[in-house]
Amino acid sequence: MSRTLPEPVVESFDLTVILSALADPGRRTILRAMYEAEGPVDCATLVEKAGLGLSNPTISHHYRVLREAGLTRTVTEGRRRIVHVRREEVEGRFPGLLGAVLSASERDAHG
């Protein structure tokens, strides 16, 4: 049985909350990996690929902040958590925001 974890509705998206969530480099790395996957990903698999070197509680915290900001949707399937970027919803509310933040962050990371 699967269920979707609580998330804000599009109309309540707050730019300040979203930008605050994206201020952390670890969260930007996680979100960029999901954004580039262009589809739902398993939380554990994504963390392994991203190679963040963070503790499980820290990673769980990052996932929660991204979800509560409205940037991601998390569906539980047994013990697995499947996450995807709410790309269309964020884009509809704040056109160009994700692409701008994630591409600027990637440029900064690579010099």
PDB file of N, CA and C in Angstrom:
ATOM      1  N   MET A   1       0.833  -1.183   0.000  1.00  0.00           N
ATOM      2  CA  MET A   1       0.000   0.000   0.000  1.00  0.00           C
ATOM      3  C   MET A   1       0.876   1.244   0.000  1.00  0.00           C
ATOM      4  N   SER A   2       0.552   2.183  -0.844  1.00  0.00           N
ATOM      5  CA  SER A   2       1.347   3.401  -0.907  1.00  0.00           C
ATOM      6  C   SER A   2       0.527   4.591  -0.409  1.00  0.00           C
ATOM      7  N   ARG A   3       1.261   5.605   0.060  1.00  0.00           N
ATOM      8  CA  ARG A   3       0.601   6.839   0.473  1.00  0.00           C
ATOM      9  C   ARG A   3       1.538   8.008   0.205  1.00  0.00           C
ATOM     10  N   THR A   4       0.936   9.152  -0.077  1.00  0.00           N
ATOM     11  CA  THR A   4       1.708  10.368  -0.321  1.00  0.00           C
ATOM     12  C   THR A   4       1.848  11.122   0.994  1.00  0.00           C
ATOM     13  N   LEU A   5       3.075  11.526   1.301  1.00  0.00           N
ATOM     14  CA  LEU A   5       3.312  12.290   2.530  1.00  0.00           C
ATOM     15  C   LEU A   5       2.746  13.705   2.369  1.00  0.00           C
ATOM     16  N   PRO A   6       2.408  14.370   3.477  1.00  0.00           N
ATOM     17  CA  PRO A   6       1.822  15.714   3.404  1.00  0.00           C
ATOM     18  C   PRO A   6       2.731  16.700   2.665  1.00  0.00           C
ATOM     19  N   GLU A   7       2.097  17.543   1.862  1.00  0.00           N
ATOM     20  CA  GLU A   7       2.822  18.552   1.080  1.00  0.00           C
ATOM     21  C   GLU A   7       1.908  19.752   0.886  1.00  0.00           C
ATOM     22  N   PRO A   8       2.476  20.924   0.652  1.00  0.00           N
ATOM     23  CA  PRO A   8       1.626  22.099   0.448  1.00  0.00           C
ATOM     24  C   PRO A   8       0.962  22.080  -0.933  1.00  0.00           C
ATOM     25  N   VAL A   9      -0.197  22.700  -1.016  1.00  0.00           N
ATOM     26  CA  VAL A   9      -0.854  22.864  -2.309  1.00  0.00           C
ATOM     27  C   VAL A   9      -0.165  24.000  -3.055  1.00  0.00           C
ATOM     28  N   VAL A  10      -0.253  23.966  -4.358  1.00  0.00           N
ATOM     29  CA  VAL A  10       0.446  24.937  -5.204  1.00  0.00           C
ATOM     30  C   VAL A  10       0.128  26.377  -4.802  1.00  0.00           C
ATOM     31  N   GLU A  11      -1.126  26.646  -4.523  1.00  0.00           N
ATOM     32  CA  GLU A  11      -1.536  28.010  -4.206  1.00  0.00           C
ATOM     33  C   GLU A  11      -0.858  28.548  -2.950  1.00  0.00           C
ATOM     34  N   SER A  12      -0.370  27.659  -2.087  1.00  0.00           N
ATOM     35  CA  SER A  12       0.271  28.114  -0.857  1.00  0.00           C
ATOM     36  C   SER A  12       1.801  28.149  -0.954  1.00  0.00           C
ATOM     37  N   PHE A  13       2.357  27.845  -2.129  1.00  0.00           N
ATOM     38  CA  PHE A  13       3.810  27.900  -2.281  1.00  0.00           C
ATOM     39  C   PHE A  13       4.291  29.303  -1.908  1.00  0.00           C
ATOM     40  N   ASP A  14       5.331  29.370  -1.108  1.00  0.00           N
ATOM     41  CA  ASP A  14       5.893  30.632  -0.641  1.00  0.00           C
ATOM     42  C   ASP A  14       7.324  30.740  -1.164  1.00  0.00           C
ATOM     43  N   LEU A  15       7.596  31.777  -1.918  1.00  0.00           N
ATOM     44  CA  LEU A  15       8.922  31.935  -2.525  1.00  0.00           C
ATOM     45  C   LEU A  15      10.021  31.977  -1.469  1.00  0.00           C
ATOM     46  N   THR A  16       9.772  32.622  -0.353  1.00  0.00           N
ATOM     47  CA  THR A  16      10.773  32.705   0.714  1.00  0.00           C
ATOM     48  C   THR A  16      11.093  31.319   1.267  1.00  0.00           C
ATOM     49  N   VAL A  17      10.071  30.495   1.461  1.00  0.00           N
ATOM     50  CA  VAL A  17      10.270  29.135   1.977  1.00  0.00           C
ATOM     51  C   VAL A  17      11.034  28.295   0.960  1.00  0.00           C
ATOM     52  N   ILE A  18      10.684  28.430  -0.303  1.00  0.00           N
ATOM     53  CA  ILE A  18      11.371  27.677  -1.357  1.00  0.00           C
ATOM     54  C   ILE A  18      12.834  28.088  -1.446  1.00  0.00           C
ATOM     55  N   LEU A  19      13.102  29.387  -1.448  1.00  0.00           N
ATOM     56  CA  LEU A  19      14.491  29.853  -1.535  1.00  0.00           C
ATOM     57  C   LEU A  19      15.290  29.454  -0.294  1.00  0.00           C
ATOM     58  N   SER A  20      14.642  29.452   0.854  1.00  0.00           N
ATOM     59  CA  SER A  20      15.306  29.007   2.076  1.00  0.00           C
ATOM     60  C   SER A  20      15.680  27.531   1.966  1.00  0.00           C
ATOM     61  N   ALA A  21      14.778  26.724   1.432  1.00  0.00           N
ATOM     62  CA  ALA A  21      15.066  25.294   1.244  1.00  0.00           C
ATOM     63  C   ALA A  21      16.227  25.101   0.274  1.00  0.00           C
ATOM     64  N   LEU A  22      16.283  25.943  -0.751  1.00  0.00           N
ATOM     65  CA  LEU A  22      17.328  25.820  -1.767  1.00  0.00           C
ATOM     66  C   LEU A  22      18.650  26.477  -1.355  1.00  0.00           C
ATOM     67  N   ALA A  23      18.671  27.145  -0.211  1.00  0.00           N
ATOM     68  CA  ALA A  23      19.898  27.813   0.245  1.00  0.00           C
ATOM     69  C   ALA A  23      20.972  26.820   0.684  1.00  0.00           C
ATOM     70  N   ASP A  24      20.560  25.632   1.079  1.00  0.00           N
ATOM     71  CA  ASP A  24      21.513  24.629   1.548  1.00  0.00           C
ATOM     72  C   ASP A  24      22.118  23.869   0.368  1.00  0.00           C
ATOM     73  N   PRO A  25      23.450  23.807   0.281  1.00  0.00           N
ATOM     74  CA  PRO A  25      24.103  23.104  -0.844  1.00  0.00           C
ATOM     75  C   PRO A  25      23.731  21.631  -0.942  1.00  0.00           C
ATOM     76  N   GLY A  26      23.559  20.955   0.185  1.00  0.00           N
ATOM     77  CA  GLY A  26      23.174  19.545   0.162  1.00  0.00           C
ATOM     78  C   GLY A  26      21.797  19.353  -0.442  1.00  0.00           C
ATOM     79  N   ARG A  27      20.860  20.224  -0.084  1.00  0.00           N
ATOM     80  CA  ARG A  27      19.512  20.126  -0.651  1.00  0.00           C
ATOM     81  C   ARG A  27      19.526  20.448  -2.141  1.00  0.00           C
ATOM     82  N   ARG A  28      20.337  21.422  -2.546  1.00  0.00           N
ATOM     83  CA  ARG A  28      20.428  21.714  -3.985  1.00  0.00           C
ATOM     84  C   ARG A  28      20.995  20.520  -4.735  1.00  0.00           C
ATOM     85  N   THR A  29      21.974  19.841  -4.162  1.00  0.00           N
ATOM     86  CA  THR A  29      22.560  18.660  -4.801  1.00  0.00           C
ATOM     87  C   THR A  29      21.518  17.561  -4.941  1.00  0.00           C
ATOM     88  N   ILE A  30      20.761  17.318  -3.879  1.00  0.00           N
ATOM     89  CA  ILE A  30      19.704  16.300  -3.925  1.00  0.00           C
ATOM     90  C   ILE A  30      18.662  16.680  -4.965  1.00  0.00           C
ATOM     91  N   LEU A  31      18.206  17.933  -4.939  1.00  0.00           N
ATOM     92  CA  LEU A  31      17.169  18.365  -5.867  1.00  0.00           C
ATOM     93  C   LEU A  31      17.668  18.318  -7.311  1.00  0.00           C
ATOM     94  N   ARG A  32      18.915  18.719  -7.537  1.00  0.00           N
ATOM     95  CA  ARG A  32      19.469  18.679  -8.897  1.00  0.00           C
ATOM     96  C   ARG A  32      19.507  17.241  -9.419  1.00  0.00           C
ATOM     97  N   ALA A  33      19.896  16.298  -8.568  1.00  0.00           N
ATOM     98  CA  ALA A  33      19.941  14.888  -8.977  1.00  0.00           C
ATOM     99  C   ALA A  33      18.540  14.397  -9.342  1.00  0.00           C
ATOM    100  N   MET A  34      17.540  14.777  -8.563  1.00  0.00           N
ATOM    101  CA  MET A  34      16.160  14.395  -8.879  1.00  0.00           C
ATOM    102  C   MET A  34      15.682  15.087 -10.147  1.00  0.00           C
ATOM    103  N   TYR A  35      16.013  16.353 -10.288  1.00  0.00           N
ATOM    104  CA  TYR A  35      15.602  17.147 -11.455  1.00  0.00           C
ATOM    105  C   TYR A  35      16.160  16.533 -12.732  1.00  0.00           C
ATOM    106  N   GLU A  36      17.423  16.110 -12.675  1.00  0.00           N
ATOM    107  CA  GLU A  36      18.078  15.522 -13.845  1.00  0.00           C
ATOM    108  C   GLU A  36      17.558  14.114 -14.137  1.00  0.00           C
ATOM    109  N   ALA A  37      17.047  13.422 -13.118  1.00  0.00           N
ATOM    110  CA  ALA A  37      16.502  12.075 -13.322  1.00  0.00           C
ATOM    111  C   ALA A  37      15.216  12.124 -14.136  1.00  0.00           C
ATOM    112  N   GLU A  38      14.534  13.251 -14.121  1.00  0.00           N
ATOM    113  CA  GLU A  38      13.295  13.462 -14.885  1.00  0.00           C
ATOM    114  C   GLU A  38      12.233  12.415 -14.600  1.00  0.00           C
ATOM    115  N   GLY A  39      12.177  11.951 -13.378  1.00  0.00           N
ATOM    116  CA  GLY A  39      11.154  10.998 -12.987  1.00  0.00           C
ATOM    117  C   GLY A  39      11.343  10.622 -11.538  1.00  0.00           C
ATOM    118  N   PRO A  40      10.413   9.850 -10.991  1.00  0.00           N
ATOM    119  CA  PRO A  40      10.516   9.444  -9.592  1.00  0.00           C
ATOM    120  C   PRO A  40      11.780   8.640  -9.325  1.00  0.00           C
ATOM    121  N   VAL A  41      12.362   8.838  -8.142  1.00  0.00           N
ATOM    122  CA  VAL A  41      13.563   8.096  -7.755  1.00  0.00           C
ATOM    123  C   VAL A  41      13.394   7.577  -6.338  1.00  0.00           C
ATOM    124  N   ASP A  42      14.056   6.482  -6.051  1.00  0.00           N
ATOM    125  CA  ASP A  42      14.088   5.924  -4.715  1.00  0.00           C
ATOM    126  C   ASP A  42      15.079   6.744  -3.885  1.00  0.00           C
ATOM    127  N   CYS A  43      14.666   7.164  -2.701  1.00  0.00           N
ATOM    128  CA  CYS A  43      15.517   7.998  -1.845  1.00  0.00           C
ATOM    129  C   CYS A  43      16.899   7.394  -1.619  1.00  0.00           C
ATOM    130  N   ALA A  44      16.932   6.117  -1.266  1.00  0.00           N
ATOM    131  CA  ALA A  44      18.205   5.464  -0.955  1.00  0.00           C
ATOM    132  C   ALA A  44      19.118   5.413  -2.175  1.00  0.00           C
ATOM    133  N   THR A  45      18.567   5.104  -3.333  1.00  0.00           N
ATOM    134  CA  THR A  45      19.355   5.037  -4.560  1.00  0.00           C
ATOM    135  C   THR A  45      19.926   6.395  -4.914  1.00  0.00           C
ATOM    136  N   LEU A  46      19.117   7.435  -4.768  1.00  0.00           N
ATOM    137  CA  LEU A  46      19.557   8.783  -5.094  1.00  0.00           C
ATOM    138  C   LEU A  46      20.712   9.222  -4.207  1.00  0.00           C
ATOM    139  N   VAL A  47      20.626   8.931  -2.928  1.00  0.00           N
ATOM    140  CA  VAL A  47      21.683   9.320  -1.994  1.00  0.00           C
ATOM    141  C   VAL A  47      22.994   8.632  -2.355  1.00  0.00           C
ATOM    142  N   GLU A  48      22.921   7.354  -2.726  1.00  0.00           N
ATOM    143  CA  GLU A  48      24.126   6.628  -3.125  1.00  0.00           C
ATOM    144  C   GLU A  48      24.760   7.268  -4.353  1.00  0.00           C
ATOM    145  N   LYS A  49      23.933   7.613  -5.353  1.00  0.00           N
ATOM    146  CA  LYS A  49      24.455   8.210  -6.586  1.00  0.00           C
ATOM    147  C   LYS A  49      25.027   9.598  -6.349  1.00  0.00           C
ATOM    148  N   ALA A  50      24.380  10.377  -5.481  1.00  0.00           N
ATOM    149  CA  ALA A  50      24.829  11.749  -5.231  1.00  0.00           C
ATOM    150  C   ALA A  50      26.113  11.778  -4.418  1.00  0.00           C
ATOM    151  N   GLY A  51      26.388  10.723  -3.642  1.00  0.00           N
ATOM    152  CA  GLY A  51      27.611  10.649  -2.860  1.00  0.00           C
ATOM    153  C   GLY A  51      27.789  11.829  -1.919  1.00  0.00           C
ATOM    154  N   LEU A  52      26.763  12.147  -1.147  1.00  0.00           N
ATOM    155  CA  LEU A  52      26.798  13.322  -0.285  1.00  0.00           C
ATOM    156  C   LEU A  52      27.666  13.151   0.951  1.00  0.00           C
ATOM    157  N   GLY A  53      27.815  11.922   1.426  1.00  0.00           N
ATOM    158  CA  GLY A  53      28.597  11.698   2.631  1.00  0.00           C
ATOM    159  C   GLY A  53      27.939  12.279   3.875  1.00  0.00           C
ATOM    160  N   LEU A  54      26.603  12.308   3.907  1.00  0.00           N
ATOM    161  CA  LEU A  54      25.864  12.833   5.052  1.00  0.00           C
ATOM    162  C   LEU A  54      25.202  11.680   5.799  1.00  0.00           C
ATOM    163  N   SER A  55      24.900  11.911   7.075  1.00  0.00           N
ATOM    164  CA  SER A  55      24.233  10.880   7.872  1.00  0.00           C
ATOM    165  C   SER A  55      22.791  10.713   7.408  1.00  0.00           C
ATOM    166  N   ASN A  56      22.217   9.548   7.695  1.00  0.00           N
ATOM    167  CA  ASN A  56      20.822   9.289   7.327  1.00  0.00           C
ATOM    168  C   ASN A  56      19.861  10.305   7.933  1.00  0.00           C
ATOM    169  N   PRO A  57      20.018  10.689   9.217  1.00  0.00           N
ATOM    170  CA  PRO A  57      19.108  11.700   9.759  1.00  0.00           C
ATOM    171  C   PRO A  57      19.211  13.051   9.027  1.00  0.00           C
ATOM    172  N   THR A  58      20.403  13.429   8.627  1.00  0.00           N
ATOM    173  CA  THR A  58      20.584  14.692   7.896  1.00  0.00           C
ATOM    174  C   THR A  58      19.922  14.611   6.529  1.00  0.00           C
ATOM    175  N   ILE A  59      20.092  13.500   5.857  1.00  0.00           N
ATOM    176  CA  ILE A  59      19.478  13.323   4.537  1.00  0.00           C
ATOM    177  C   ILE A  59      17.962  13.323   4.657  1.00  0.00           C
ATOM    178  N   SER A  60      17.436  12.630   5.675  1.00  0.00           N
ATOM    179  CA  SER A  60      15.985  12.632   5.904  1.00  0.00           C
ATOM    180  C   SER A  60      15.480  14.044   6.151  1.00  0.00           C
ATOM    181  N   HIS A  61      16.239  14.811   6.902  1.00  0.00           N
ATOM    182  CA  HIS A  61      15.876  16.208   7.158  1.00  0.00           C
ATOM    183  C   HIS A  61      15.826  16.990   5.848  1.00  0.00           C
ATOM    184  N   HIS A  62      16.811  16.815   4.983  1.00  0.00           N
ATOM    185  CA  HIS A  62      16.835  17.518   3.697  1.00  0.00           C
ATOM    186  C   HIS A  62      15.615  17.152   2.851  1.00  0.00           C
ATOM    187  N   TYR A  63      15.288  15.868   2.788  1.00  0.00           N
ATOM    188  CA  TYR A  63      14.105  15.439   2.036  1.00  0.00           C
ATOM    189  C   TYR A  63      12.835  16.091   2.592  1.00  0.00           C
ATOM    190  N   ARG A  64      12.730  16.140   3.924  1.00  0.00           N
ATOM    191  CA  ARG A  64      11.546  16.734   4.553  1.00  0.00           C
ATOM    192  C   ARG A  64      11.438  18.224   4.236  1.00  0.00           C
ATOM    193  N   VAL A  65      12.550  18.945   4.312  1.00  0.00           N
ATOM    194  CA  VAL A  65      12.532  20.383   4.019  1.00  0.00           C
ATOM    195  C   VAL A  65      12.117  20.625   2.568  1.00  0.00           C
ATOM    196  N   LEU A  66      12.645  19.845   1.647  1.00  0.00           N
ATOM    197  CA  LEU A  66      12.281  19.997   0.239  1.00  0.00           C
ATOM    198  C   LEU A  66      10.790  19.711   0.024  1.00  0.00           C
ATOM    199  N   ARG A  67      10.286  18.668   0.681  1.00  0.00           N
ATOM    200  CA  ARG A  67       8.869  18.325   0.545  1.00  0.00           C
ATOM    201  C   ARG A  67       7.980  19.399   1.163  1.00  0.00           C
ATOM    202  N   GLU A  68       8.317  19.858   2.362  1.00  0.00           N
ATOM    203  CA  GLU A  68       7.497  20.855   3.041  1.00  0.00           C
ATOM    204  C   GLU A  68       7.517  22.215   2.343  1.00  0.00           C
ATOM    205  N   ALA A  69       8.565  22.475   1.571  1.00  0.00           N
ATOM    206  CA  ALA A  69       8.617  23.710   0.781  1.00  0.00           C
ATOM    207  C   ALA A  69       7.771  23.596  -0.482  1.00  0.00           C
ATOM    208  N   GLY A  70       7.381  22.364  -0.833  1.00  0.00           N
ATOM    209  CA  GLY A  70       6.574  22.138  -2.026  1.00  0.00           C
ATOM    210  C   GLY A  70       7.384  21.757  -3.242  1.00  0.00           C
ATOM    211  N   LEU A  71       8.676  21.552  -3.068  1.00  0.00           N
ATOM    212  CA  LEU A  71       9.549  21.253  -4.203  1.00  0.00           C
ATOM    213  C   LEU A  71       9.483  19.800  -4.651  1.00  0.00           C
ATOM    214  N   THR A  72       9.143  18.902  -3.732  1.00  0.00           N
ATOM    215  CA  THR A  72       9.112  17.481  -4.068  1.00  0.00           C
ATOM    216  C   THR A  72       7.823  16.834  -3.556  1.00  0.00           C
ATOM    217  N   ARG A  73       7.535  15.668  -4.106  1.00  0.00           N
ATOM    218  CA  ARG A  73       6.426  14.823  -3.646  1.00  0.00           C
ATOM    219  C   ARG A  73       7.053  13.490  -3.236  1.00  0.00           C
ATOM    220  N   THR A  74       6.648  12.979  -2.076  1.00  0.00           N
ATOM    221  CA  THR A  74       7.171  11.709  -1.579  1.00  0.00           C
ATOM    222  C   THR A  74       6.031  10.728  -1.407  1.00  0.00           C
ATOM    223  N   VAL A  75       6.194   9.558  -2.002  1.00  0.00           N
ATOM    224  CA  VAL A  75       5.216   8.477  -1.882  1.00  0.00           C
ATOM    225  C   VAL A  75       5.913   7.310  -1.198  1.00  0.00           C
ATOM    226  N   THR A  76       5.297   6.811  -0.140  1.00  0.00           N
ATOM    227  CA  THR A  76       5.858   5.647   0.540  1.00  0.00           C
ATOM    228  C   THR A  76       5.250   4.390  -0.059  1.00  0.00           C
ATOM    229  N   GLU A  77       6.107   3.413  -0.298  1.00  0.00           N
ATOM    230  CA  GLU A  77       5.689   2.101  -0.791  1.00  0.00           C
ATOM    231  C   GLU A  77       6.374   1.071   0.092  1.00  0.00           C
ATOM    232  N   GLY A  78       5.672   0.641   1.123  1.00  0.00           N
ATOM    233  CA  GLY A  78       6.304  -0.242   2.100  1.00  0.00           C
ATOM    234  C   GLY A  78       7.394   0.522   2.824  1.00  0.00           C
ATOM    235  N   ARG A  79       8.618   0.013   2.761  1.00  0.00           N
ATOM    236  CA  ARG A  79       9.753   0.697   3.403  1.00  0.00           C
ATOM    237  C   ARG A  79      10.440   1.686   2.475  1.00  0.00           C
ATOM    238  N   ARG A  80      10.075   1.667   1.216  1.00  0.00           N
ATOM    239  CA  ARG A  80      10.702   2.553   0.226  1.00  0.00           C
ATOM    240  C   ARG A  80       9.997   3.905   0.199  1.00  0.00           C
ATOM    241  N   ARG A  81      10.768   4.929  -0.128  1.00  0.00           N
ATOM    242  CA  ARG A  81      10.217   6.265  -0.345  1.00  0.00           C
ATOM    243  C   ARG A  81      10.624   6.706  -1.748  1.00  0.00           C
ATOM    244  N   ILE A  82       9.615   6.952  -2.543  1.00  0.00           N
ATOM    245  CA  ILE A  82       9.833   7.373  -3.921  1.00  0.00           C
ATOM    246  C   ILE A  82       9.571   8.880  -3.973  1.00  0.00           C
ATOM    247  N   VAL A  83      10.534   9.611  -4.507  1.00  0.00           N
ATOM    248  CA  VAL A  83      10.456  11.068  -4.517  1.00  0.00           C
ATOM    249  C   VAL A  83      10.592  11.584  -5.940  1.00  0.00           C
ATOM    250  N   HIS A  84       9.863  12.644  -6.244  1.00  0.00           N
ATOM    251  CA  HIS A  84      10.087  13.328  -7.514  1.00  0.00           C
ATOM    252  C   HIS A  84       9.880  14.826  -7.336  1.00  0.00           C
ATOM    253  N   VAL A  85      10.484  15.574  -8.221  1.00  0.00           N
ATOM    254  CA  VAL A  85      10.374  17.031  -8.210  1.00  0.00           C
ATOM    255  C   VAL A  85       8.990  17.416  -8.724  1.00  0.00           C
ATOM    256  N   ARG A  86       8.363  18.354  -8.064  1.00  0.00           N
ATOM    257  CA  ARG A  86       7.069  18.869  -8.503  1.00  0.00           C
ATOM    258  C   ARG A  86       7.321  19.960  -9.551  1.00  0.00           C
ATOM    259  N   ARG A  87       8.023  19.565 -10.571  1.00  0.00           N
ATOM    260  CA  ARG A  87       8.518  20.458 -11.620  1.00  0.00           C
ATOM    261  C   ARG A  87       7.431  21.336 -12.222  1.00  0.00           C
ATOM    262  N   GLU A  88       6.359  20.737 -12.706  1.00  0.00           N
ATOM    263  CA  GLU A  88       5.310  21.495 -13.390  1.00  0.00           C
ATOM    264  C   GLU A  88       4.605  22.448 -12.430  1.00  0.00           C
ATOM    265  N   GLU A  89       4.388  21.986 -11.204  1.00  0.00           N
ATOM    266  CA  GLU A  89       3.695  22.813 -10.225  1.00  0.00           C
ATOM    267  C   GLU A  89       4.540  24.021  -9.811  1.00  0.00           C
ATOM    268  N   VAL A  90       5.826  23.785  -9.556  1.00  0.00           N
ATOM    269  CA  VAL A  90       6.712  24.900  -9.181  1.00  0.00           C
ATOM    270  C   VAL A  90       6.857  25.851 -10.364  1.00  0.00           C
ATOM    271  N   GLU A  91       7.022  25.297 -11.555  1.00  0.00           N
ATOM    272  CA  GLU A  91       7.173  26.113 -12.764  1.00  0.00           C
ATOM    273  C   GLU A  91       5.919  26.954 -13.020  1.00  0.00           C
ATOM    274  N   GLY A  92       4.748  26.378 -12.760  1.00  0.00           N
ATOM    275  CA  GLY A  92       3.506  27.111 -12.942  1.00  0.00           C
ATOM    276  C   GLY A  92       3.383  28.290 -11.997  1.00  0.00           C
ATOM    277  N   ARG A  93       3.886  28.128 -10.786  1.00  0.00           N
ATOM    278  CA  ARG A  93       3.795  29.191  -9.768  1.00  0.00           C
ATOM    279  C   ARG A  93       4.933  30.196  -9.887  1.00  0.00           C
ATOM    280  N   PHE A  94       6.150  29.704 -10.144  1.00  0.00           N
ATOM    281  CA  PHE A  94       7.341  30.548 -10.243  1.00  0.00           C
ATOM    282  C   PHE A  94       8.124  30.156 -11.493  1.00  0.00           C
ATOM    283  N   PRO A  95       7.690  30.626 -12.674  1.00  0.00           N
ATOM    284  CA  PRO A  95       8.325  30.231 -13.934  1.00  0.00           C
ATOM    285  C   PRO A  95       9.843  30.492 -13.949  1.00  0.00           C
ATOM    286  N   GLY A  96      10.584  29.457 -14.318  1.00  0.00           N
ATOM    287  CA  GLY A  96      12.031  29.571 -14.483  1.00  0.00           C
ATOM    288  C   GLY A  96      12.845  29.462 -13.211  1.00  0.00           C
ATOM    289  N   LEU A  97      12.197  29.396 -12.054  1.00  0.00           N
ATOM    290  CA  LEU A  97      12.922  29.414 -10.782  1.00  0.00           C
ATOM    291  C   LEU A  97      13.858  28.223 -10.620  1.00  0.00           C
ATOM    292  N   LEU A  98      13.328  27.008 -10.761  1.00  0.00           N
ATOM    293  CA  LEU A  98      14.170  25.827 -10.542  1.00  0.00           C
ATOM    294  C   LEU A  98      15.344  25.765 -11.503  1.00  0.00           C
ATOM    295  N   GLY A  99      15.074  25.996 -12.771  1.00  0.00           N
ATOM    296  CA  GLY A  99      16.157  25.963 -13.751  1.00  0.00           C
ATOM    297  C   GLY A  99      17.228  26.992 -13.440  1.00  0.00           C
ATOM    298  N   ALA A 100      16.818  28.189 -13.052  1.00  0.00           N
ATOM    299  CA  ALA A 100      17.781  29.262 -12.750  1.00  0.00           C
ATOM    300  C   ALA A 100      18.615  28.925 -11.519  1.00  0.00           C
ATOM    301  N   VAL A 101      17.967  28.497 -10.445  1.00  0.00           N
ATOM    302  CA  VAL A 101      18.692  28.208  -9.204  1.00  0.00           C
ATOM    303  C   VAL A 101      19.616  27.009  -9.386  1.00  0.00           C
ATOM    304  N   LEU A 102      19.113  25.952 -10.000  1.00  0.00           N
ATOM    305  CA  LEU A 102      19.926  24.741 -10.136  1.00  0.00           C
ATOM    306  C   LEU A 102      21.074  24.919 -11.124  1.00  0.00           C
ATOM    307  N   SER A 103      20.863  25.658 -12.202  1.00  0.00           N
ATOM    308  CA  SER A 103      21.966  25.871 -13.148  1.00  0.00           C
ATOM    309  C   SER A 103      23.007  26.820 -12.563  1.00  0.00           C
ATOM    310  N   ALA A 104      22.582  27.844 -11.826  1.00  0.00           N
ATOM    311  CA  ALA A 104      23.533  28.760 -11.186  1.00  0.00           C
ATOM    312  C   ALA A 104      24.339  28.021 -10.138  1.00  0.00           C
ATOM    313  N   SER A 105      23.683  27.148  -9.381  1.00  0.00           N
ATOM    314  CA  SER A 105      24.348  26.373  -8.348  1.00  0.00           C
ATOM    315  C   SER A 105      25.377  25.419  -8.960  1.00  0.00           C
ATOM    316  N   GLU A 106      25.031  24.816 -10.077  1.00  0.00           N
ATOM    317  CA  GLU A 106      25.957  23.897 -10.747  1.00  0.00           C
ATOM    318  C   GLU A 106      27.169  24.649 -11.277  1.00  0.00           C
ATOM    319  N   ARG A 107      26.957  25.829 -11.851  1.00  0.00           N
ATOM    320  CA  ARG A 107      28.079  26.642 -12.339  1.00  0.00           C
ATOM    321  C   ARG A 107      28.994  27.024 -11.193  1.00  0.00           C
ATOM    322  N   ASP A 108      28.433  27.419 -10.056  1.00  0.00           N
ATOM    323  CA  ASP A 108      29.229  27.783  -8.894  1.00  0.00           C
ATOM    324  C   ASP A 108      30.042  26.610  -8.389  1.00  0.00           C
ATOM    325  N   ALA A 109      29.458  25.413  -8.412  1.00  0.00           N
ATOM    326  CA  ALA A 109      30.138  24.213  -7.913  1.00  0.00           C
ATOM    327  C   ALA A 109      31.310  23.808  -8.796  1.00  0.00           C
ATOM    328  N   HIS A 110      31.196  24.130 -10.098  1.00  0.00           N
ATOM    329  CA  HIS A 110      32.255  23.717 -11.031  1.00  0.00           C
ATOM    330  C   HIS A 110      33.199  24.841 -11.395  1.00  0.00           C
ATOM    331  N   GLY A 111      33.120  25.927 -10.672  1.00  0.00           N
ATOM    332  CA  GLY A 111      34.064  27.011 -10.853  1.00  0.00           C
ATOM    333  C   GLY A 111      33.658  27.973 -11.874  1.00  0.00           C
TER     334      GLY A 111
END
